[in-house]
Protein backbone atom coordinates (compact mmCIF):
# COMPACT_ATOMS: atom_id res chain seq x y z
CA MET A 1 2.17 28.01 6.88
CA THR A 2 3.24 32.07 6.79
CA PRO A 3 0.00 34.03 6.96
CA ASP A 4 0.02 35.38 3.51
CA GLY A 5 1.57 32.21 1.48
CA PRO A 6 2.68 28.98 1.34
CA LEU A 7 4.71 26.50 2.39
CA LEU A 8 6.89 26.47 -0.48
CA ASP A 9 7.55 29.32 -2.67
CA ALA A 10 9.74 29.34 -5.48
CA ALA A 11 9.55 32.20 -8.08
CA GLY A 12 11.83 32.66 -11.30
CA LEU A 13 13.46 29.19 -10.76
CA THR A 14 16.25 29.15 -13.42
CA VAL A 15 18.80 26.45 -13.92
CA THR A 16 21.14 26.27 -17.19
CA PHE A 17 23.88 23.74 -17.50
CA GLY A 18 26.29 25.02 -20.86
CA GLY A 19 24.16 26.68 -23.07
CA VAL A 20 20.85 24.55 -22.28
CA THR A 21 18.24 25.87 -19.83
CA ALA A 22 16.91 22.59 -18.11
CA VAL A 23 14.46 24.87 -15.76
CA ASP A 24 13.89 28.17 -17.00
CA ALA A 25 11.71 30.70 -14.75
CA VAL A 26 9.72 28.10 -12.82
CA ASP A 27 7.09 29.28 -9.97
CA LEU A 28 6.21 26.07 -7.81
CA ARG A 29 3.64 26.44 -4.69
CA VAL A 30 3.04 24.03 -2.14
CA PRO A 31 0.75 24.85 0.55
CA GLU A 32 1.30 23.29 4.16
CA GLY A 33 -0.54 19.88 4.51
CA ARG A 34 -0.83 19.66 0.74
CA LEU A 35 0.18 17.17 -1.84
CA VAL A 36 1.39 18.24 -5.24
CA GLY A 37 2.21 16.72 -8.16
CA LEU A 38 5.42 18.27 -10.91
CA ILE A 39 4.68 16.23 -14.02
CA GLY A 40 5.77 16.40 -17.59
CA PRO A 41 7.50 14.16 -20.08
CA ASN A 42 11.02 12.86 -19.88
CA GLY A 43 13.46 15.82 -20.03
CA ALA A 44 10.87 18.39 -18.67
CA GLY A 45 13.18 19.52 -15.92
CA LYS A 46 11.69 17.68 -13.10
CA THR A 47 14.12 16.04 -11.38
CA THR A 48 16.62 19.28 -11.85
CA THR A 49 13.60 21.48 -10.37
CA ILE A 50 14.13 19.18 -6.95
CA ASP A 51 17.72 19.60 -7.55
CA ALA A 52 17.82 23.37 -7.61
CA LEU A 53 14.98 23.38 -4.51
CA THR A 54 17.16 21.48 -2.25
CA GLY A 55 20.36 22.95 -3.28
CA PHE A 56 21.82 20.20 -5.09
CA VAL A 57 22.57 22.45 -8.48
CA PRO A 58 23.18 26.32 -8.94
CA HIS A 59 20.53 28.18 -9.82
CA ARG A 60 18.82 31.18 -10.05
CA GLY A 61 15.43 32.92 -8.65
CA ARG A 62 13.96 32.78 -5.26
CA ILE A 63 13.31 30.15 -2.78
CA HIS A 64 11.56 31.03 0.34
CA LEU A 65 10.54 27.51 3.30
CA ASP A 66 7.52 29.23 5.53
CA GLY A 67 8.50 32.35 4.63
CA ARG A 68 12.90 32.14 5.13
CA ASP A 69 14.52 32.76 1.92
CA LEU A 70 16.83 29.91 1.06
CA SER A 71 17.84 31.24 -2.26
CA LEU A 72 21.42 31.14 -1.06
CA ASP A 73 21.98 28.35 1.38
CA GLY A 74 23.56 25.08 0.53
CA ALA A 75 21.87 21.95 0.51
CA SER A 76 22.41 20.81 4.43
CA ASP A 77 20.81 24.00 5.35
CA ARG A 78 17.86 23.56 3.27
CA ALA A 79 17.44 20.22 4.56
CA ARG A 80 18.23 21.45 8.43
CA ALA A 81 15.43 24.25 7.61
CA GLY A 82 12.77 21.19 6.84
CA LEU A 83 13.90 20.27 3.17
CA ALA A 84 13.68 16.84 2.89
CA ARG A 85 14.00 14.41 -0.40
CA THR A 86 14.20 10.98 -1.76
CA TRP A 87 16.27 10.44 -4.96
CA GLN A 88 15.94 7.58 -8.03
CA SER A 89 18.72 5.71 -7.17
CA LEU A 90 17.44 5.56 -3.44
CA GLU A 91 20.86 5.90 -2.37
CA LEU A 92 20.22 2.73 0.22
CA PHE A 93 23.42 1.98 2.75
CA ASP A 94 23.06 -2.06 1.83
CA ASP A 95 25.95 -2.29 4.80
CA LEU A 96 23.35 -0.68 7.58
CA SER A 97 20.15 -2.29 8.39
CA VAL A 98 16.36 -0.43 7.71
CA ARG A 99 16.93 1.28 11.10
CA GLU A 100 20.44 2.34 11.00
CA ASN A 101 19.52 3.79 7.20
CA CYS A 102 16.58 5.81 9.13
CA ARG A 103 18.69 6.88 11.75
CA ALA A 104 21.52 8.44 9.74
CA ALA A 105 19.15 11.05 8.16
CA ALA A 106 17.67 11.96 11.83
CA ILE A 107 20.80 12.19 13.56
CA ARG A 108 21.93 15.94 13.67
CA PRO A 109 25.46 15.50 15.12
CA ARG A 110 27.18 18.04 17.19
CA LEU A 111 30.68 18.20 18.28
CA ALA A 112 29.67 16.92 21.96
CA ASP A 113 28.04 13.83 20.29
CA VAL A 114 30.92 12.91 18.20
CA LEU A 115 33.38 13.29 21.07
CA HIS A 116 30.46 10.95 23.02
CA ASP A 117 30.30 8.52 20.12
CA ILE A 118 34.39 7.84 20.58
CA VAL A 119 33.95 7.58 24.09
CA ARG A 120 30.65 5.41 24.03
CA PRO A 121 30.08 4.08 21.06
CA THR A 122 27.52 1.63 22.05
CA ARG A 123 25.57 4.34 24.30
CA ALA A 124 21.45 4.23 23.93
CA ARG A 125 19.88 6.32 20.95
CA ASP A 126 16.35 7.79 20.94
CA ASP A 127 14.95 6.45 17.73
CA ALA A 128 11.49 7.83 18.42
CA ALA A 129 11.89 9.70 15.27
CA VAL A 130 12.61 7.06 12.95
CA ASP A 131 9.84 4.42 14.69
CA TRP A 132 7.41 7.05 13.55
CA ALA A 133 8.94 7.40 9.95
CA LEU A 134 8.71 3.37 9.41
CA GLU A 135 5.73 3.21 11.38
CA LEU A 136 4.43 6.17 8.89
CA VAL A 137 5.04 4.08 5.83
CA GLY A 138 4.59 0.91 6.72
CA VAL A 139 7.98 -0.52 7.20
CA ALA A 140 8.09 -1.20 11.06
CA ASP A 141 8.61 -4.62 10.80
CA LEU A 142 11.56 -4.66 8.50
CA SER A 143 13.58 -2.44 10.68
CA ALA A 144 16.07 -5.10 11.38
CA ARG A 145 16.78 -6.26 7.94
CA SER A 146 19.25 -5.00 5.39
CA PRO A 147 17.43 -2.99 1.99
CA SER A 148 19.09 -5.98 -0.24
CA GLU A 149 16.96 -8.37 1.13
CA LEU A 150 14.01 -5.90 0.51
CA SER A 151 11.51 -6.04 -3.04
CA LEU A 152 11.82 -2.82 -4.63
CA GLY A 153 8.70 -1.90 -3.32
CA GLN A 154 9.50 -2.16 0.06
CA ARG A 155 13.40 -0.39 -0.64
CA LYS A 156 11.09 2.54 -2.34
CA LEU A 157 9.37 2.97 0.96
CA VAL A 158 12.86 2.63 3.50
CA ALA A 159 13.69 5.54 0.76
CA VAL A 160 10.46 7.85 2.38
CA ALA A 161 11.03 7.02 5.83
CA ARG A 162 14.77 8.08 5.38
CA ALA A 163 13.75 11.12 4.75
CA LEU A 164 11.08 11.44 6.65
CA ALA A 165 13.32 10.68 10.01
CA ALA A 166 14.59 13.68 10.01
CA ARG A 167 10.93 15.52 10.65
CA PRO A 168 10.65 17.73 7.72
CA ARG A 169 8.29 20.27 6.97
CA LEU A 170 8.63 19.09 3.16
CA VAL A 171 9.59 16.48 1.76
CA LEU A 172 10.38 16.18 -2.27
CA LEU A 173 9.81 12.24 -3.76
CA ASP A 174 11.63 11.67 -7.33
CA GLU A 175 9.88 8.74 -8.85
CA PRO A 176 9.03 6.43 -5.75
CA ALA A 177 6.77 4.48 -7.85
CA ALA A 178 8.98 3.86 -10.75
CA GLY A 179 9.30 -0.07 -11.32
CA LEU A 180 6.02 -0.95 -9.03
CA ASP A 181 3.65 -2.99 -9.91
CA THR A 182 -0.16 -1.53 -9.42
CA ASP A 183 -0.50 -3.32 -6.16
CA GLU A 184 2.22 -1.84 -4.98
CA SER A 185 1.86 1.76 -6.07
CA LEU A 186 -1.96 1.60 -4.47
CA ARG A 187 -0.10 1.13 -1.22
CA LEU A 188 2.33 3.93 -1.71
CA GLY A 189 -0.74 6.09 -2.58
CA GLU A 190 -1.94 5.00 0.45
CA ARG A 191 1.36 6.20 2.54
CA LEU A 192 1.60 9.11 0.60
CA ARG A 193 -1.66 10.45 1.60
CA ALA A 194 -0.70 9.48 5.31
CA ILE A 195 1.92 11.44 5.58
CA VAL A 196 0.16 14.72 4.51
CA ASP A 197 -2.27 13.66 7.28
CA ALA A 198 0.63 13.53 9.70
CA GLY A 199 1.15 17.39 8.83
CA ILE A 200 3.79 16.97 6.41
CA ALA A 201 3.50 18.65 2.84
CA VAL A 202 4.46 16.50 -0.34
CA LEU A 203 6.03 17.34 -3.94
CA LEU A 204 5.64 14.28 -5.74
CA VAL A 205 7.40 13.94 -8.75
CA ASP A 206 6.24 10.24 -10.95
CA HIS A 207 5.35 9.64 -14.67
CA ASP A 208 2.52 7.01 -12.92
CA MET A 209 -0.28 8.95 -13.75
CA GLY A 210 -2.73 6.70 -11.95
CA LEU A 211 -0.81 7.27 -9.08
CA VAL A 212 -0.68 11.18 -9.11
CA LEU A 213 -4.17 11.71 -10.70
CA GLY A 214 -5.41 9.43 -7.64
CA VAL A 215 -3.47 11.26 -4.37
CA CYS A 216 -2.35 14.73 -5.44
CA ASP A 217 -4.52 17.93 -4.46
CA GLU A 218 -3.08 19.67 -7.29
CA LEU A 219 -0.47 19.57 -10.19
CA THR A 220 2.13 21.86 -12.17
CA VAL A 221 2.89 20.92 -15.50
CA LEU A 222 6.33 21.43 -17.12
CA GLU A 223 7.38 21.05 -20.58
CA PHE A 224 11.08 21.89 -22.00
CA GLY A 225 11.71 23.44 -18.36
CA LYS A 226 8.70 25.52 -18.54
CA VAL A 227 5.50 25.78 -16.25
CA ILE A 228 2.77 24.65 -19.07
CA ALA A 229 -0.38 24.06 -16.53
CA HIS A 230 -1.65 24.08 -12.75
CA GLY A 231 -4.91 22.64 -11.13
CA THR A 232 -6.86 19.99 -9.79
CA PRO A 233 -6.15 16.57 -11.15
CA ALA A 234 -9.55 17.09 -12.96
CA GLU A 235 -8.34 20.55 -14.64
CA ILE A 236 -5.25 19.06 -15.48
CA ARG A 237 -6.84 15.77 -17.33
CA ALA A 238 -8.80 18.08 -19.67
CA ASP A 239 -6.46 20.72 -20.42
CA ALA A 240 -5.68 20.56 -24.00
CA ARG A 241 -2.37 21.50 -23.89
CA VAL A 242 -1.55 18.80 -21.29
CA ILE A 243 -3.08 16.20 -23.54
CA GLU A 244 -0.91 16.94 -26.31
CA ALA A 245 2.27 17.57 -24.14
CA TYR A 246 2.04 14.59 -21.91
CA LEU A 247 -1.30 12.81 -21.09
CA GLY A 248 -2.49 11.55 -24.18
CA GLU A 249 -6.15 11.70 -25.66
CA SER A 250 -6.90 8.59 -23.83
CA ALA A 251 -6.68 10.91 -20.38
CA ARG A 252 -10.11 12.17 -21.91
C-alpha cells in the first residue's frame, strides 16, 4: 500500500460502446488486505468495470496500482504489475490437468526459457507458486485431474487458484459463486477470506448477497454504470437507494 493511498485507485473510469456509456465516471478503491465487493443489478457495468481495470476494453480515466499509473498499459503489463482476474465462463483448458492450468498462469517465460523448453521439454519445473495457490483454495488433491472431471464448484475454485498462481497483488473475481449451491458458496466464502489473510486484496463481483454481505469488508454499488453507494455491508444493507435499485425490501 502506498503511504497516502489505497492499493488500487481508479478515478473517473468510463467505458463507452458506440453511443452507450456502460461505465460512467466510476471511482473505485481497494485498500491493501481488504475484500471489496462490487455489486448491482444485471447490466449495471460490473464486468465491464473489471474488463477496464484489467485492460481488456478501451477506457478513459485513471488507474493506479500501488502508486503506479496503469492507465495506458495493456492487459499483459497490468497482469505483470500484479492485477489478476477470473472470468464468468472460467476459460479453463480441459486438455490440461488442474496443475497445468495453474502452471500456465504462473509461468512468465523469457526467450531463454522458450529456447530451453525446445531443447529440454521435460526439464523440472518450480511449482512452488502453483502448490501454494492450489492449497490456498483447497483443491490441491485435484491437481492431477482434468477440469472436465470436476464439479462446477471445484472448477470455480480451480479458476481462482489459476489467477492466484501468478502471485498477484490484487485479484478480481467475476461471479465466482454463480451456479453454486449454499454449501459450495459457504466454502467459497471461507476461501476468499483465506486469500485476503494471505496478503492478496480481492475485488469480488457476485449476485450471491449472502456471500457478498457475509465476507466483504466494504461494498461499492453500481446502477446503470454509475456508483450509487459505498460503505460497509451494514451500511449498504440499510441504504434506501440500494434497496430500491437492487436488494429489495427484504434486505431490511
